[in-house]
């Protein structure tokens, strides 16, 4: 768990959190990608004059993913600057506060685990490709068009467009 000691933050004004989260940590359960090594988190929490806590820093990791076009394994890097704002849940009320996350001001610690998980999900490009020139897989036979060509006929028309085609021909 990624926690910031609120008592220490109150005394010192700023607190650093430098952590290495292993790839099998439960916080990564259910994600559509896997980490190839630990996630490094280097953030600093500070109190804003309005009672909010601002957490700024950087996350970095290596990820194992599949190319969106040909399904080849691709190693990707996550290097992402983060800024997370936390406010006392009593001060937030029920209105939408955008990116401000609630926390219990009476608690001894601020758990930023879920916020870090959200930042990771938002930072990852969902459309990674192995190479910009990747040709992908043939939609008919599934051949990897980067490695071989196939004899599939690609000029098939979708029958759902026939009504529009008939109007055009009139």
N, C-alpha and C. Protein backbone atom coordinates (compact mmCIF):
# COMPACT_ATOMS: atom_id res chain seq x y z
N UNK A 1 0.83 -1.19 0.00
CA UNK A 1 0.00 0.00 0.00
C UNK A 1 0.87 1.25 0.00
N UNK A 2 0.42 2.23 -0.68
CA UNK A 2 1.12 3.49 -0.79
C UNK A 2 0.44 4.50 0.14
N UNK A 3 1.09 4.77 1.25
CA UNK A 3 0.46 5.61 2.27
C UNK A 3 1.38 6.78 2.64
N UNK A 4 0.73 7.91 2.95
CA UNK A 4 1.43 9.10 3.40
C UNK A 4 1.00 9.39 4.83
N UNK A 5 1.95 9.53 5.72
CA UNK A 5 1.69 9.81 7.13
C UNK A 5 1.20 11.26 7.27
N UNK A 6 -0.08 11.43 7.62
CA UNK A 6 -0.65 12.78 7.72
C UNK A 6 -0.13 13.55 8.92
N UNK A 7 0.22 12.87 10.01
CA UNK A 7 0.79 13.53 11.17
C UNK A 7 2.15 14.14 10.82
N UNK A 8 2.95 13.38 10.12
CA UNK A 8 4.26 13.87 9.69
C UNK A 8 4.11 15.00 8.68
N UNK A 9 3.14 14.87 7.80
CA UNK A 9 2.88 15.92 6.81
C UNK A 9 2.47 17.22 7.51
N UNK A 10 1.67 17.10 8.55
CA UNK A 10 1.22 18.27 9.32
C UNK A 10 2.41 18.94 10.02
N UNK A 11 3.32 18.14 10.55
CA UNK A 11 4.50 18.68 11.26
C UNK A 11 5.53 19.29 10.32
N UNK A 12 5.81 18.58 9.22
CA UNK A 12 6.93 18.97 8.35
C UNK A 12 6.52 19.80 7.14
N UNK A 13 5.27 19.75 6.75
CA UNK A 13 4.80 20.51 5.59
C UNK A 13 4.90 19.76 4.28
N UNK A 14 5.93 18.93 4.13
CA UNK A 14 6.07 18.08 2.95
C UNK A 14 6.59 16.71 3.37
N UNK A 15 6.15 15.70 2.64
CA UNK A 15 6.59 14.32 2.90
C UNK A 15 6.86 13.66 1.55
N UNK A 16 8.00 13.00 1.44
CA UNK A 16 8.34 12.28 0.21
C UNK A 16 7.90 10.83 0.33
N UNK A 17 7.44 10.30 -0.77
CA UNK A 17 7.08 8.88 -0.85
C UNK A 17 7.86 8.32 -2.03
N UNK A 18 8.80 7.45 -1.73
CA UNK A 18 9.63 6.80 -2.73
C UNK A 18 9.40 5.31 -2.58
N UNK A 19 8.71 4.71 -3.56
CA UNK A 19 8.32 3.31 -3.42
C UNK A 19 8.57 2.54 -4.70
N UNK A 20 8.74 1.26 -4.53
CA UNK A 20 8.86 0.33 -5.63
C UNK A 20 7.80 -0.75 -5.43
N UNK A 21 6.83 -0.80 -6.34
CA UNK A 21 5.71 -1.73 -6.20
C UNK A 21 5.96 -2.92 -7.12
N UNK A 22 6.01 -4.15 -6.56
CA UNK A 22 6.29 -5.32 -7.40
C UNK A 22 5.16 -5.57 -8.40
N UNK A 23 5.48 -6.21 -9.53
CA UNK A 23 4.48 -6.40 -10.58
C UNK A 23 3.32 -7.31 -10.19
N UNK A 24 3.49 -8.12 -9.14
CA UNK A 24 2.40 -9.01 -8.72
C UNK A 24 1.56 -8.41 -7.59
N UNK A 25 1.70 -7.13 -7.33
CA UNK A 25 0.95 -6.46 -6.27
C UNK A 25 -0.54 -6.49 -6.60
N UNK A 26 -1.40 -6.68 -5.60
CA UNK A 26 -2.85 -6.73 -5.83
C UNK A 26 -3.43 -5.45 -6.45
N UNK A 27 -2.73 -4.33 -6.35
CA UNK A 27 -3.27 -3.10 -6.94
C UNK A 27 -3.33 -3.16 -8.46
N UNK A 28 -2.62 -4.11 -9.07
CA UNK A 28 -2.62 -4.24 -10.52
C UNK A 28 -3.60 -5.31 -11.03
N UNK A 29 -4.33 -5.95 -10.13
CA UNK A 29 -5.27 -7.00 -10.53
C UNK A 29 -6.34 -6.42 -11.45
N UNK A 30 -6.62 -7.14 -12.54
CA UNK A 30 -7.68 -6.74 -13.46
C UNK A 30 -7.26 -5.77 -14.55
N UNK A 31 -6.02 -5.34 -14.56
CA UNK A 31 -5.55 -4.45 -15.62
C UNK A 31 -5.28 -5.25 -16.88
N UNK A 32 -5.37 -4.61 -18.03
CA UNK A 32 -5.22 -5.30 -19.31
C UNK A 32 -3.77 -5.40 -19.78
N UNK A 33 -2.83 -5.13 -18.92
CA UNK A 33 -1.42 -5.21 -19.26
C UNK A 33 -0.66 -5.71 -18.05
N UNK A 34 0.58 -6.12 -18.26
CA UNK A 34 1.41 -6.62 -17.17
C UNK A 34 2.68 -5.80 -17.08
N UNK A 35 3.17 -5.64 -15.88
CA UNK A 35 4.43 -4.94 -15.66
C UNK A 35 5.57 -5.92 -15.79
N UNK A 36 6.64 -5.48 -16.43
CA UNK A 36 7.85 -6.28 -16.58
C UNK A 36 8.88 -5.71 -15.62
N UNK A 37 8.61 -5.84 -14.34
CA UNK A 37 9.46 -5.25 -13.32
C UNK A 37 8.63 -4.36 -12.42
N UNK A 38 9.26 -3.78 -11.42
CA UNK A 38 8.50 -2.97 -10.45
C UNK A 38 8.09 -1.61 -11.01
N UNK A 39 7.03 -1.08 -10.43
CA UNK A 39 6.59 0.29 -10.70
C UNK A 39 7.30 1.19 -9.71
N UNK A 40 8.04 2.18 -10.20
CA UNK A 40 8.73 3.14 -9.33
C UNK A 40 7.87 4.37 -9.18
N UNK A 41 7.66 4.76 -7.93
CA UNK A 41 6.86 5.95 -7.63
C UNK A 41 7.71 6.87 -6.76
N UNK A 42 7.91 8.06 -7.24
CA UNK A 42 8.66 9.07 -6.49
C UNK A 42 7.80 10.33 -6.46
N UNK A 43 7.11 10.55 -5.34
CA UNK A 43 6.22 11.70 -5.22
C UNK A 43 6.51 12.45 -3.93
N UNK A 44 6.04 13.67 -3.91
CA UNK A 44 6.16 14.49 -2.71
C UNK A 44 4.79 15.07 -2.41
N UNK A 45 4.35 14.90 -1.17
CA UNK A 45 3.05 15.42 -0.73
C UNK A 45 3.28 16.71 0.04
N UNK A 46 2.44 17.68 -0.21
CA UNK A 46 2.52 18.94 0.53
C UNK A 46 1.11 19.46 0.78
N UNK A 47 1.01 20.29 1.80
CA UNK A 47 -0.28 20.86 2.13
C UNK A 47 -0.45 22.18 1.41
N UNK A 48 -1.61 22.35 0.80
CA UNK A 48 -1.94 23.63 0.19
C UNK A 48 -2.57 24.50 1.25
N UNK A 49 -2.60 25.78 1.04
CA UNK A 49 -3.15 26.70 2.02
C UNK A 49 -4.64 26.53 2.24
N UNK A 50 -5.31 25.84 1.32
CA UNK A 50 -6.76 25.65 1.42
C UNK A 50 -7.14 24.38 2.17
N UNK A 51 -6.16 23.67 2.71
CA UNK A 51 -6.43 22.43 3.43
C UNK A 51 -6.34 21.20 2.55
N UNK A 52 -6.09 21.39 1.28
CA UNK A 52 -5.94 20.26 0.37
C UNK A 52 -4.52 19.72 0.45
N UNK A 53 -4.37 18.48 0.06
CA UNK A 53 -3.05 17.86 -0.02
C UNK A 53 -2.75 17.65 -1.50
N UNK A 54 -1.60 18.15 -1.94
CA UNK A 54 -1.18 18.02 -3.32
C UNK A 54 -0.01 17.04 -3.37
N UNK A 55 -0.16 16.02 -4.20
CA UNK A 55 0.86 14.99 -4.36
C UNK A 55 1.38 15.09 -5.79
N UNK A 56 2.69 15.41 -5.91
CA UNK A 56 3.30 15.57 -7.23
C UNK A 56 4.54 14.69 -7.32
N UNK A 57 4.76 14.18 -8.54
CA UNK A 57 5.95 13.38 -8.74
C UNK A 57 5.93 12.64 -10.05
N UNK A 58 6.57 11.47 -10.04
CA UNK A 58 6.75 10.70 -11.26
C UNK A 58 6.56 9.22 -11.00
N UNK A 59 5.99 8.54 -12.01
CA UNK A 59 5.87 7.08 -12.00
C UNK A 59 6.62 6.56 -13.21
N UNK A 60 7.29 5.43 -13.05
CA UNK A 60 7.98 4.82 -14.19
C UNK A 60 7.95 3.30 -14.04
N UNK A 61 7.87 2.64 -15.19
CA UNK A 61 7.84 1.17 -15.20
C UNK A 61 8.01 0.68 -16.63
N UNK A 62 8.30 -0.61 -16.76
CA UNK A 62 8.29 -1.28 -18.06
C UNK A 62 7.06 -2.16 -18.10
N UNK A 63 6.40 -2.19 -19.26
CA UNK A 63 5.18 -2.97 -19.42
C UNK A 63 5.33 -3.97 -20.56
N UNK A 64 4.67 -5.09 -20.42
CA UNK A 64 4.58 -6.08 -21.49
C UNK A 64 3.16 -6.00 -22.04
N UNK A 65 3.09 -5.72 -23.35
CA UNK A 65 1.78 -5.55 -23.99
C UNK A 65 1.77 -6.24 -25.33
N UNK A 66 0.61 -6.23 -25.99
CA UNK A 66 0.48 -6.80 -27.33
C UNK A 66 0.25 -5.68 -28.33
N UNK A 67 0.86 -5.82 -29.49
CA UNK A 67 0.63 -4.88 -30.58
C UNK A 67 -0.85 -4.91 -30.94
N UNK A 68 -1.42 -3.77 -31.10
CA UNK A 68 -2.85 -3.65 -31.41
C UNK A 68 -3.19 -4.24 -32.78
N UNK A 69 -2.21 -4.28 -33.68
CA UNK A 69 -2.48 -4.75 -35.04
C UNK A 69 -2.12 -6.21 -35.28
N UNK A 70 -0.95 -6.64 -34.77
CA UNK A 70 -0.49 -8.01 -35.10
C UNK A 70 -0.37 -8.92 -33.88
N UNK A 71 -0.62 -8.43 -32.69
CA UNK A 71 -0.60 -9.19 -31.44
C UNK A 71 0.80 -9.64 -31.01
N UNK A 72 1.84 -9.08 -31.61
CA UNK A 72 3.22 -9.38 -31.21
C UNK A 72 3.48 -8.74 -29.84
N UNK A 73 4.28 -9.42 -29.01
CA UNK A 73 4.64 -8.86 -27.71
C UNK A 73 5.50 -7.62 -27.89
N UNK A 74 5.16 -6.57 -27.12
CA UNK A 74 5.86 -5.30 -27.20
C UNK A 74 6.21 -4.85 -25.79
N UNK A 75 7.46 -4.42 -25.59
CA UNK A 75 7.86 -3.85 -24.32
C UNK A 75 7.68 -2.34 -24.42
N UNK A 76 6.95 -1.78 -23.49
CA UNK A 76 6.61 -0.36 -23.49
C UNK A 76 7.12 0.26 -22.20
N UNK A 77 7.36 1.56 -22.21
CA UNK A 77 7.81 2.29 -21.01
C UNK A 77 6.71 3.22 -20.54
N UNK A 78 6.54 3.27 -19.26
CA UNK A 78 5.65 4.25 -18.62
C UNK A 78 6.55 5.23 -17.90
N UNK A 79 6.54 6.47 -18.31
CA UNK A 79 7.21 7.57 -17.63
C UNK A 79 6.18 8.68 -17.57
N UNK A 80 5.61 8.86 -16.41
CA UNK A 80 4.46 9.77 -16.31
C UNK A 80 4.58 10.67 -15.09
N UNK A 81 4.46 11.96 -15.33
CA UNK A 81 4.40 12.91 -14.23
C UNK A 81 2.97 12.94 -13.69
N UNK A 82 2.83 12.94 -12.36
CA UNK A 82 1.51 12.93 -11.75
C UNK A 82 1.33 14.13 -10.82
N UNK A 83 0.11 14.60 -10.79
CA UNK A 83 -0.31 15.60 -9.82
C UNK A 83 -1.69 15.15 -9.34
N UNK A 84 -1.78 14.86 -8.07
CA UNK A 84 -3.05 14.40 -7.48
C UNK A 84 -3.41 15.35 -6.34
N UNK A 85 -4.66 15.74 -6.30
CA UNK A 85 -5.13 16.65 -5.26
C UNK A 85 -6.17 15.92 -4.41
N UNK A 86 -5.99 15.99 -3.09
CA UNK A 86 -6.89 15.36 -2.15
C UNK A 86 -7.47 16.43 -1.23
N UNK A 87 -8.77 16.33 -0.97
CA UNK A 87 -9.42 17.28 -0.07
C UNK A 87 -10.26 16.50 0.93
N UNK A 88 -10.46 17.10 2.09
CA UNK A 88 -11.28 16.48 3.14
C UNK A 88 -12.66 16.17 2.58
N UNK A 89 -13.11 14.93 2.75
CA UNK A 89 -14.39 14.52 2.19
C UNK A 89 -15.56 15.34 2.73
N UNK A 90 -15.41 15.91 3.94
CA UNK A 90 -16.47 16.76 4.48
C UNK A 90 -16.55 18.10 3.75
N UNK A 91 -15.43 18.56 3.22
CA UNK A 91 -15.41 19.84 2.50
C UNK A 91 -15.88 19.71 1.06
N UNK A 92 -15.82 18.51 0.50
CA UNK A 92 -16.17 18.33 -0.90
C UNK A 92 -17.66 18.42 -1.16
N UNK A 93 -18.48 17.89 -0.28
CA UNK A 93 -19.91 17.88 -0.52
C UNK A 93 -20.28 16.90 -1.61
N UNK A 94 -21.42 17.12 -2.24
CA UNK A 94 -21.91 16.18 -3.25
C UNK A 94 -21.66 16.66 -4.68
N UNK A 95 -21.21 17.90 -4.87
CA UNK A 95 -20.99 18.38 -6.24
C UNK A 95 -19.73 17.77 -6.84
N UNK A 96 -19.67 17.79 -8.16
CA UNK A 96 -18.52 17.23 -8.88
C UNK A 96 -17.34 18.18 -8.73
N UNK A 97 -16.22 17.66 -8.25
CA UNK A 97 -15.03 18.47 -8.03
C UNK A 97 -13.91 18.12 -8.99
N UNK A 98 -14.24 17.57 -10.13
CA UNK A 98 -13.22 17.28 -11.14
C UNK A 98 -12.21 16.26 -10.67
N UNK A 99 -10.96 16.67 -10.59
CA UNK A 99 -9.87 15.76 -10.27
C UNK A 99 -9.52 15.73 -8.79
N UNK A 100 -10.30 16.38 -7.94
CA UNK A 100 -10.02 16.38 -6.51
C UNK A 100 -10.59 15.10 -5.91
N UNK A 101 -9.73 14.38 -5.20
CA UNK A 101 -10.13 13.10 -4.60
C UNK A 101 -10.38 13.30 -3.11
N UNK A 102 -11.36 12.62 -2.56
CA UNK A 102 -11.67 12.78 -1.13
C UNK A 102 -10.73 11.95 -0.25
N UNK A 103 -10.52 12.43 0.97
CA UNK A 103 -9.81 11.65 1.98
C UNK A 103 -10.37 12.03 3.34
N UNK A 104 -10.15 11.16 4.31
CA UNK A 104 -10.62 11.38 5.68
C UNK A 104 -9.53 12.15 6.43
N UNK A 105 -9.82 13.39 6.78
CA UNK A 105 -8.83 14.25 7.45
C UNK A 105 -8.53 13.77 8.87
N UNK A 106 -9.41 12.96 9.45
CA UNK A 106 -9.19 12.45 10.81
C UNK A 106 -8.34 11.18 10.82
N UNK A 107 -8.06 10.63 9.64
CA UNK A 107 -7.26 9.41 9.55
C UNK A 107 -5.78 9.73 9.81
N UNK A 108 -5.02 8.71 10.16
CA UNK A 108 -3.60 8.87 10.43
C UNK A 108 -2.78 8.87 9.14
N UNK A 109 -3.33 8.24 8.08
CA UNK A 109 -2.59 8.12 6.83
C UNK A 109 -3.51 8.42 5.64
N UNK A 110 -2.88 8.83 4.57
CA UNK A 110 -3.57 9.03 3.30
C UNK A 110 -3.12 7.92 2.37
N UNK A 111 -4.05 7.05 1.98
CA UNK A 111 -3.74 5.95 1.08
C UNK A 111 -3.92 6.44 -0.37
N UNK A 112 -2.83 6.49 -1.12
CA UNK A 112 -2.87 6.98 -2.50
C UNK A 112 -2.84 5.83 -3.51
N UNK A 113 -3.00 4.60 -3.06
CA UNK A 113 -2.91 3.43 -3.93
C UNK A 113 -3.92 3.49 -5.06
N UNK A 114 -5.18 3.72 -4.75
CA UNK A 114 -6.22 3.75 -5.79
C UNK A 114 -6.02 4.91 -6.75
N UNK A 115 -5.58 6.05 -6.24
CA UNK A 115 -5.32 7.20 -7.09
C UNK A 115 -4.16 6.91 -8.06
N UNK A 116 -3.12 6.24 -7.58
CA UNK A 116 -2.00 5.87 -8.43
C UNK A 116 -2.46 4.89 -9.50
N UNK A 117 -3.29 3.93 -9.13
CA UNK A 117 -3.83 2.97 -10.10
C UNK A 117 -4.60 3.69 -11.20
N UNK A 118 -5.44 4.65 -10.82
CA UNK A 118 -6.19 5.42 -11.80
C UNK A 118 -5.26 6.19 -12.73
N UNK A 119 -4.22 6.78 -12.17
CA UNK A 119 -3.27 7.54 -12.98
C UNK A 119 -2.56 6.62 -13.99
N UNK A 120 -2.25 5.40 -13.57
CA UNK A 120 -1.59 4.45 -14.47
C UNK A 120 -2.52 4.12 -15.64
N UNK A 121 -3.77 3.81 -15.33
CA UNK A 121 -4.73 3.44 -16.37
C UNK A 121 -4.89 4.59 -17.37
N UNK A 122 -4.95 5.81 -16.88
CA UNK A 122 -5.12 6.96 -17.77
C UNK A 122 -3.86 7.28 -18.56
N UNK A 123 -2.69 6.93 -18.04
CA UNK A 123 -1.43 7.25 -18.70
C UNK A 123 -1.05 6.26 -19.80
N UNK A 124 -1.59 5.06 -19.76
CA UNK A 124 -1.20 4.03 -20.71
C UNK A 124 -1.93 4.26 -22.04
N UNK A 125 -1.16 4.25 -23.13
CA UNK A 125 -1.73 4.37 -24.47
C UNK A 125 -2.39 3.04 -24.82
N UNK A 126 -3.71 3.02 -25.05
CA UNK A 126 -4.38 1.74 -25.33
C UNK A 126 -4.12 1.22 -26.74
N UNK A 127 -3.54 2.02 -27.61
CA UNK A 127 -3.38 1.64 -29.00
C UNK A 127 -1.91 1.51 -29.39
N UNK A 128 -1.17 0.73 -28.66
CA UNK A 128 0.26 0.56 -28.95
C UNK A 128 0.44 -0.37 -30.15
N UNK A 129 1.42 -0.02 -30.98
CA UNK A 129 1.78 -0.88 -32.11
C UNK A 129 3.27 -1.19 -32.04
N UNK A 130 3.65 -2.33 -32.59
CA UNK A 130 5.05 -2.74 -32.53
C UNK A 130 5.93 -1.82 -33.38
N UNK A 131 5.44 -1.43 -34.53
CA UNK A 131 6.13 -0.51 -35.44
C UNK A 131 5.07 0.32 -36.15
N UNK A 132 5.38 1.56 -36.48
CA UNK A 132 4.38 2.39 -37.18
C UNK A 132 3.93 1.78 -38.51
N UNK A 133 4.79 0.99 -39.16
CA UNK A 133 4.46 0.38 -40.45
C UNK A 133 3.80 -0.99 -40.29
N UNK A 134 3.43 -1.39 -39.10
CA UNK A 134 2.84 -2.72 -38.87
C UNK A 134 1.59 -2.90 -39.73
N UNK A 135 1.55 -4.01 -40.47
CA UNK A 135 0.42 -4.29 -41.37
C UNK A 135 -0.70 -5.05 -40.68
N UNK A 136 -0.42 -5.62 -39.52
CA UNK A 136 -1.46 -6.32 -38.76
C UNK A 136 -1.74 -7.71 -39.26
N UNK A 137 -2.92 -8.20 -38.90
CA UNK A 137 -3.36 -9.54 -39.28
C UNK A 137 -4.43 -9.45 -40.36
N UNK A 138 -4.46 -10.44 -41.22
CA UNK A 138 -5.50 -10.50 -42.24
C UNK A 138 -6.83 -10.76 -41.53
N UNK A 139 -7.85 -9.97 -41.79
CA UNK A 139 -9.14 -10.17 -41.11
C UNK A 139 -9.86 -11.44 -41.54
N UNK A 140 -9.44 -12.04 -42.65
CA UNK A 140 -10.10 -13.25 -43.14
C UNK A 140 -9.43 -14.51 -42.63
N UNK A 141 -8.10 -14.63 -42.87
CA UNK A 141 -7.42 -15.88 -42.52
C UNK A 141 -6.55 -15.76 -41.27
N UNK A 142 -6.28 -14.54 -40.81
CA UNK A 142 -5.49 -14.34 -39.60
C UNK A 142 -3.99 -14.36 -39.80
N UNK A 143 -3.53 -14.39 -41.04
CA UNK A 143 -2.09 -14.40 -41.31
C UNK A 143 -1.47 -13.08 -40.87
N UNK A 144 -0.25 -13.15 -40.33
CA UNK A 144 0.47 -11.95 -39.95
C UNK A 144 1.04 -11.35 -41.24
N UNK A 145 0.50 -10.22 -41.66
CA UNK A 145 0.87 -9.61 -42.94
C UNK A 145 2.26 -9.00 -42.91
N UNK A 146 2.89 -8.90 -41.75
CA UNK A 146 4.28 -8.46 -41.65
C UNK A 146 5.24 -9.57 -42.07
N UNK A 147 4.81 -10.82 -41.93
CA UNK A 147 5.69 -11.96 -42.18
C UNK A 147 5.35 -12.71 -43.46
N UNK A 148 4.11 -12.61 -43.89
CA UNK A 148 3.68 -13.35 -45.08
C UNK A 148 2.53 -12.63 -45.74
N UNK A 149 2.30 -12.95 -46.99
CA UNK A 149 1.13 -12.41 -47.67
C UNK A 149 0.11 -13.55 -47.79
N UNK A 150 -1.12 -13.19 -47.97
CA UNK A 150 -2.15 -14.22 -48.08
C UNK A 150 -2.91 -14.02 -49.39
N UNK A 151 -3.66 -15.02 -49.78
CA UNK A 151 -4.39 -14.98 -51.04
C UNK A 151 -5.86 -14.64 -50.82
N UNK A 152 -6.18 -14.06 -49.70
CA UNK A 152 -7.58 -13.73 -49.41
C UNK A 152 -8.06 -12.60 -50.31
N UNK A 153 -9.33 -12.67 -50.70
CA UNK A 153 -9.94 -11.62 -51.50
C UNK A 153 -10.42 -10.54 -50.53
N UNK A 154 -9.94 -9.33 -50.73
CA UNK A 154 -10.27 -8.24 -49.80
C UNK A 154 -11.34 -7.30 -50.35
N UNK A 155 -11.88 -7.61 -51.50
CA UNK A 155 -12.86 -6.71 -52.11
C UNK A 155 -14.29 -7.14 -51.78
N UNK A 156 -14.47 -7.75 -50.63
CA UNK A 156 -15.80 -8.16 -50.22
C UNK A 156 -16.57 -6.94 -49.74
N UNK A 157 -17.80 -6.82 -50.19
CA UNK A 157 -18.62 -5.70 -49.75
C UNK A 157 -19.55 -6.17 -48.64
N UNK A 158 -19.77 -5.29 -47.72
CA UNK A 158 -20.66 -5.58 -46.60
C UNK A 158 -22.10 -5.48 -47.09
N UNK A 159 -22.91 -6.52 -46.92
CA UNK A 159 -24.29 -6.49 -47.43
C UNK A 159 -25.14 -5.39 -46.80
N UNK A 160 -24.73 -4.86 -45.68
CA UNK A 160 -25.52 -3.80 -45.04
C UNK A 160 -25.46 -2.50 -45.84
N UNK A 161 -24.48 -2.36 -46.75
CA UNK A 161 -24.35 -1.15 -47.56
C UNK A 161 -25.10 -1.26 -48.89
N UNK A 162 -25.67 -2.40 -49.19
CA UNK A 162 -26.32 -2.61 -50.49
C UNK A 162 -27.48 -1.65 -50.73
N UNK A 163 -28.24 -1.32 -49.69
CA UNK A 163 -29.36 -0.39 -49.87
C UNK A 163 -28.86 0.99 -50.30
N UNK A 164 -27.77 1.45 -49.73
CA UNK A 164 -27.19 2.74 -50.13
C UNK A 164 -26.59 2.66 -51.53
N UNK A 165 -25.97 1.53 -51.85
CA UNK A 165 -25.40 1.35 -53.18
C UNK A 165 -26.49 1.40 -54.25
N UNK A 166 -27.64 0.80 -53.95
CA UNK A 166 -28.76 0.82 -54.88
C UNK A 166 -29.27 2.24 -55.11
N UNK A 167 -29.31 3.07 -54.07
CA UNK A 167 -29.73 4.47 -54.22
C UNK A 167 -28.75 5.25 -55.07
N UNK A 168 -27.47 4.96 -54.91
CA UNK A 168 -26.43 5.65 -55.69
C UNK A 168 -26.52 5.32 -57.17
N UNK A 169 -26.88 4.09 -57.48
CA UNK A 169 -26.95 3.64 -58.86
C UNK A 169 -28.19 4.13 -59.59
N UNK A 170 -29.18 4.64 -58.88
CA UNK A 170 -30.41 5.12 -59.52
C UNK A 170 -30.21 6.37 -60.30
